[in-house]
Protein backbone atom coordinates (compact mmCIF):
# COMPACT_ATOMS: atom_id res chain seq x y z
CA UNK A 1 70.57 -38.90 139.77
CA UNK A 2 70.44 -35.28 141.02
CA UNK A 3 73.31 -33.86 142.98
CA UNK A 4 72.73 -32.68 146.53
CA UNK A 5 73.62 -29.05 147.48
CA UNK A 6 77.01 -30.02 148.91
CA UNK A 7 78.06 -31.86 145.76
CA UNK A 8 76.86 -28.91 143.65
CA UNK A 9 79.03 -26.58 145.71
CA UNK A 10 81.99 -28.93 145.31
CA UNK A 11 81.47 -29.05 141.55
CA UNK A 12 81.34 -25.25 141.37
CA UNK A 13 84.50 -24.99 143.47
CA UNK A 14 86.26 -27.37 141.08
CA UNK A 15 85.24 -25.17 138.16
CA UNK A 16 86.60 -22.10 139.92
CA UNK A 17 90.02 -23.71 140.18
CA UNK A 18 90.06 -24.07 136.41
CA UNK A 19 89.34 -20.37 135.83
CA UNK A 20 92.03 -18.16 134.41
CA UNK A 21 94.16 -16.07 136.70
CA UNK A 22 92.69 -12.58 136.97
CA UNK A 23 95.42 -10.90 139.00
CA UNK A 24 98.63 -10.18 137.08
CA UNK A 25 100.70 -8.09 139.50
CA UNK A 26 104.33 -8.05 138.42
CA UNK A 27 107.26 -7.15 140.61
CA UNK A 28 110.68 -8.02 141.98
CA UNK A 29 110.38 -10.66 144.68
CA UNK A 30 113.83 -10.26 146.22
CA UNK A 31 115.14 -6.72 146.57
CA UNK A 32 118.51 -8.00 147.85
CA UNK A 33 119.69 -8.58 144.29
CA UNK A 34 118.58 -5.06 143.35
CA UNK A 35 120.72 -3.62 146.15
CA UNK A 36 123.74 -5.71 145.08
CA UNK A 37 123.36 -4.63 141.44
CA UNK A 38 122.97 -0.97 142.44
CA UNK A 39 126.07 -1.22 144.65
CA UNK A 40 128.10 -2.65 141.76
CA UNK A 41 126.91 0.13 139.43
CA UNK A 42 127.64 2.81 142.05
CA UNK A 43 131.19 1.54 142.63
CA UNK A 44 131.91 1.41 138.89
CA UNK A 45 130.57 4.94 138.36
CA UNK A 46 132.55 6.23 141.33
CA UNK A 47 135.86 4.61 140.39
CA UNK A 48 135.90 4.74 136.60
CA UNK A 49 133.68 7.71 135.71
CA UNK A 50 134.09 10.17 138.54
CA UNK A 51 137.59 9.00 139.41
CA UNK A 52 138.87 9.26 135.84
CA UNK A 53 142.29 11.06 135.71
CA UNK A 54 140.93 13.58 133.20
CA UNK A 55 138.70 15.02 135.94
CA UNK A 56 141.72 16.29 137.93
CA UNK A 57 144.70 18.60 137.51
CA UNK A 58 147.74 16.80 136.23
CA UNK A 59 145.61 13.71 135.54
CA UNK A 60 146.09 12.82 139.17
CA UNK A 61 142.99 11.86 141.25
CA UNK A 62 144.84 13.18 144.30
CA UNK A 63 144.96 16.64 142.73
CA UNK A 64 142.41 19.44 142.47
CA UNK A 65 139.17 18.49 140.64
CA UNK A 66 138.49 20.21 137.34
CA UNK A 67 134.75 19.52 137.10
CA UNK A 68 131.69 18.37 139.04
CA UNK A 69 132.49 14.67 138.60
CA UNK A 70 135.90 15.19 140.17
CA UNK A 71 134.36 17.20 143.00
CA UNK A 72 131.90 14.38 143.74
CA UNK A 73 134.78 11.90 143.71
CA UNK A 74 136.41 13.95 146.46
CA UNK A 75 133.42 13.09 148.63
CA UNK A 76 135.22 9.94 149.69
CA UNK A 77 134.11 6.35 150.22
CA UNK A 78 130.69 7.45 151.58
CA UNK A 79 129.72 8.62 148.08
CA UNK A 80 129.34 5.13 146.50
CA UNK A 81 127.29 4.07 149.54
CA UNK A 82 124.95 7.02 149.06
CA UNK A 83 124.83 6.39 145.31
CA UNK A 84 123.84 2.79 146.05
CA UNK A 85 120.98 3.98 148.25
CA UNK A 86 119.83 6.53 145.67
CA UNK A 87 119.97 4.02 142.80
CA UNK A 88 118.07 1.50 144.92
CA UNK A 89 115.29 4.01 145.56
CA UNK A 90 115.08 4.83 141.85
CA UNK A 91 115.01 1.18 140.74
CA UNK A 92 112.46 0.12 143.36
CA UNK A 93 110.29 3.13 142.52
CA UNK A 94 110.24 2.11 138.86
CA UNK A 95 109.52 -1.48 139.92
CA UNK A 96 106.60 -0.37 142.13
CA UNK A 97 105.25 1.80 139.31
CA UNK A 98 105.15 -1.21 136.99
CA UNK A 99 103.68 -3.48 139.69
CA UNK A 100 100.93 -1.10 140.80
CA UNK A 101 100.10 -0.18 137.20
CA UNK A 102 99.56 -3.87 136.45
CA UNK A 103 97.53 -4.20 139.66
CA UNK A 104 95.23 -1.39 138.51
CA UNK A 105 94.25 -3.43 135.47
CA UNK A 106 93.82 -2.60 131.81
CA UNK A 107 91.17 0.08 132.17
CA UNK A 108 90.32 2.97 134.44
CA UNK A 109 89.68 1.69 137.96
CA UNK A 110 86.99 4.28 138.72
CA UNK A 111 85.03 3.38 135.58
CA UNK A 112 85.47 -0.32 136.34
CA UNK A 113 83.99 0.16 139.83
CA UNK A 114 81.04 2.10 138.38
CA UNK A 115 80.39 -0.58 135.72
CA UNK A 116 80.52 -3.39 138.28
CA UNK A 117 78.08 -1.53 140.55
CA UNK A 118 75.75 -1.05 137.55
CA UNK A 119 75.88 -4.79 136.78
CA UNK A 120 75.18 -5.59 140.41
CA UNK A 121 72.19 -3.23 140.41
CA UNK A 122 70.80 -5.28 137.51
CA UNK A 123 71.80 -8.50 139.31
CA UNK A 124 73.82 -9.41 136.21
CA UNK A 125 76.60 -11.39 137.88
CA UNK A 126 77.88 -13.06 134.72
CA UNK A 127 78.41 -9.67 133.02
CA UNK A 128 80.32 -8.45 136.08
CA UNK A 129 82.55 -11.53 135.98
CA UNK A 130 83.25 -10.93 132.28
CA UNK A 131 84.33 -7.38 133.10
CA UNK A 132 86.75 -8.75 135.69
CA UNK A 133 88.29 -11.10 133.13
CA UNK A 134 88.85 -8.18 130.75
CA UNK A 135 90.02 -5.70 133.40
CA UNK A 136 92.46 -7.98 135.24
CA UNK A 137 94.54 -6.63 138.12
CA UNK A 138 94.13 -6.80 141.88
CA UNK A 139 90.74 -5.09 142.11
CA UNK A 140 89.30 -7.31 139.39
CA UNK A 141 90.79 -10.40 141.05
CA UNK A 142 89.15 -9.65 144.40
CA UNK A 143 85.82 -8.86 142.74
CA UNK A 144 85.97 -11.96 140.58
CA UNK A 145 86.68 -14.29 143.51
CA UNK A 146 83.87 -12.68 145.49
CA UNK A 147 81.44 -13.06 142.60
CA UNK A 148 82.37 -16.72 142.28
CA UNK A 149 81.54 -17.12 145.97
CA UNK A 150 78.35 -15.12 145.32
CA UNK A 151 77.18 -17.66 142.75
CA UNK A 152 78.19 -20.49 145.04
CA UNK A 153 76.13 -19.02 147.89
CA UNK A 154 73.26 -18.39 145.48
CA UNK A 155 73.13 -22.11 144.70
CA UNK A 156 73.58 -23.15 148.33
CA UNK A 157 70.36 -24.22 150.08
CA UNK A 158 71.96 -25.36 153.33
CA UNK A 159 73.30 -22.15 154.85
CA UNK A 160 71.10 -19.40 156.23
CA UNK A 161 71.06 -15.92 154.74
CA UNK A 162 73.20 -14.51 157.54
CA UNK A 163 75.74 -17.29 157.11
CA UNK A 164 75.90 -16.61 153.38
CA UNK A 165 76.46 -12.89 153.96
CA UNK A 166 79.20 -13.66 156.47
CA UNK A 167 80.82 -16.01 153.94
CA UNK A 168 80.78 -13.29 151.29
CA UNK A 169 82.33 -10.74 153.67
CA UNK A 170 85.03 -13.25 154.62
CA UNK A 171 85.73 -13.91 150.93
CA UNK A 172 86.26 -10.19 150.28
CA UNK A 173 88.64 -9.94 153.24
CA UNK A 174 90.59 -13.07 152.29
CA UNK A 175 90.91 -12.12 148.63
CA UNK A 176 92.05 -8.63 149.62
CA UNK A 177 94.58 -10.03 152.09
CA UNK A 178 96.07 -12.17 149.31
CA UNK A 179 96.48 -9.21 146.95
CA UNK A 180 97.81 -6.56 149.35
CA UNK A 181 101.29 -8.08 149.98
CA UNK A 182 102.06 -7.96 146.25
CA UNK A 183 101.13 -4.26 146.16
CA UNK A 184 103.16 -3.15 149.18
CA UNK A 185 106.16 -5.36 148.47
CA UNK A 186 109.52 -3.49 148.60
CA UNK A 187 107.86 -0.32 149.93
CA UNK A 188 109.22 -0.97 153.46
CA UNK A 189 112.73 -0.80 151.95
CA UNK A 190 111.93 2.55 150.34
CA UNK A 191 110.55 3.77 153.68
CA UNK A 192 113.77 2.69 155.42
CA UNK A 193 115.88 4.55 152.87
CA UNK A 194 114.08 7.81 153.66
CA UNK A 195 115.89 7.87 157.00
CA UNK A 196 118.97 5.83 156.14
CA UNK A 197 119.94 8.05 153.22
CA UNK A 198 119.78 11.18 155.37
CA UNK A 199 121.76 9.57 158.20
CA UNK A 200 124.51 8.26 155.92
CA UNK A 201 124.71 11.67 154.26
CA UNK A 202 125.05 13.27 157.70
CA UNK A 203 127.82 10.81 158.55
CA UNK A 204 129.69 11.84 155.40
CA UNK A 205 129.17 15.49 156.24
CA UNK A 206 130.62 15.06 159.72
CA UNK A 207 133.63 13.14 158.36
CA UNK A 208 134.27 15.87 155.80
CA UNK A 209 134.12 18.58 158.46
CA UNK A 210 136.53 16.62 160.63
CA UNK A 211 139.03 16.58 157.76
CA UNK A 212 138.53 20.31 157.25
CA UNK A 213 139.22 21.11 160.91
CA UNK A 214 142.27 18.84 160.86
CA UNK A 215 143.63 20.85 157.94
CA UNK A 216 143.00 24.10 159.83
CA UNK A 217 144.60 22.76 162.99
CA UNK A 218 147.82 21.71 161.27
CA UNK A 219 150.97 23.56 162.29
CA UNK A 220 151.96 26.46 160.10
CA UNK A 221 149.71 27.61 157.27
CA UNK A 222 146.60 25.47 156.67
CA UNK A 223 146.81 22.91 153.87
CA UNK A 224 144.42 24.38 151.28
CA UNK A 225 144.15 21.08 149.40
CA UNK A 226 143.15 19.13 152.51
CA UNK A 227 140.79 21.91 153.52
CA UNK A 228 139.02 21.96 150.15
CA UNK A 229 138.88 18.16 150.10
CA UNK A 230 137.20 18.09 153.49
CA UNK A 231 134.68 20.76 152.50
CA UNK A 232 133.93 18.95 149.21
CA UNK A 233 133.38 15.69 151.07
CA UNK A 234 131.00 17.37 153.51
CA UNK A 235 128.94 19.16 150.87
CA UNK A 236 128.79 16.26 148.39
CA UNK A 237 127.62 13.82 151.04
CA UNK A 238 125.06 16.32 152.30
CA UNK A 239 123.65 16.73 148.79
CA UNK A 240 123.46 12.98 148.15
CA UNK A 241 121.88 12.33 151.55
CA UNK A 242 119.20 14.98 151.06
CA UNK A 243 118.48 13.80 147.49
CA UNK A 244 118.12 10.18 148.59
CA UNK A 245 115.87 10.98 151.54
CA UNK A 246 113.68 13.40 149.56
CA UNK A 247 113.22 11.05 146.61
CA UNK A 248 112.43 8.12 148.92
CA UNK A 249 109.80 10.11 150.85
CA UNK A 250 108.10 11.25 147.65
CA UNK A 251 108.16 7.74 146.21
CA UNK A 252 106.84 6.07 149.36
CA UNK A 253 103.96 8.53 149.83
CA UNK A 254 103.03 8.41 146.15
CA UNK A 255 102.76 4.64 145.99
CA UNK A 256 101.09 4.37 149.39
CA UNK A 257 98.40 6.71 148.11
CA UNK A 258 98.00 4.57 144.98
CA UNK A 259 97.57 1.44 147.11
CA UNK A 260 95.04 3.21 149.34
CA UNK A 261 92.97 4.12 146.28
CA UNK A 262 92.94 0.49 145.14
CA UNK A 263 91.96 -0.61 148.64
CA UNK A 264 89.09 1.88 148.72
CA UNK A 265 87.87 0.58 145.34
CA UNK A 266 87.94 -3.00 146.63
CA UNK A 267 86.06 -2.04 149.80
CA UNK A 268 83.44 -0.16 147.79
CA UNK A 269 82.74 -3.04 145.41
CA UNK A 270 82.86 -5.61 148.22
CA UNK A 271 80.20 -3.67 150.12
CA UNK A 272 78.08 -3.44 146.96
CA UNK A 273 78.27 -7.19 146.34
CA UNK A 274 77.23 -8.02 149.91
CA UNK A 275 74.46 -5.40 149.80
CA UNK A 276 73.17 -6.78 146.48
CA UNK A 277 73.06 -10.32 147.85
CA UNK A 278 71.24 -9.12 150.97
CA UNK A 279 68.66 -7.25 148.89
CA UNK A 280 67.96 -10.06 146.43
CA UNK A 281 67.87 -13.06 148.78
């Protein structure tokens, strides 16, 4: 007994569920643990490396610093906070690099787009799907899911052509919407650190200057140790704040541009699939 169109579509949908996973975007799901780990590392570096007695005169952390590590230690309690922010930006940037690299797939994205468009021009849907399986990544996942829907609409004799085209467009949008969160994950934190790092660094600078002016305002001759400590705190925190903000801005813009390129590739192939269906049906 022959299957009706609806049962054929259901059978095809069941087969789709058994297909291998095309998208393989890797990444850290919860950045809270990254921040905690970075804070622990920053505190250990601050206390045991920079605060080591050998970095100060007389092996006394309260004395004059002998090297850069000791000078940074004089930056005060704001320093480990800024180090935490800087380490968080570095770790999340590495994490985003790995995630977006996996989202790009195994081959060159531009070549993949060109090859898919060539297969579509020949109306060779199966070859295009095979390319997606080999390429993997977010772009390949969106294209693969859309091509599966393409074949489903090709076998459908119930819907009109306009309804089929609308279904294909919706499939592209839905598949894209499922992939995008994995690409932009943790980037809002990096964006926040662009401002937060600068503000915390400014706070440390102001606190250091307050200490310096207190040393100058003391009765009698100014306390040179307190004065130098206050200046060190101000300059160290300024440097850390600027470094954190600058690195975060560069990282955020770099990865945002990468995501935009992937989005453009998806849009280009999605338009080609819909245009091919419209031209051949």
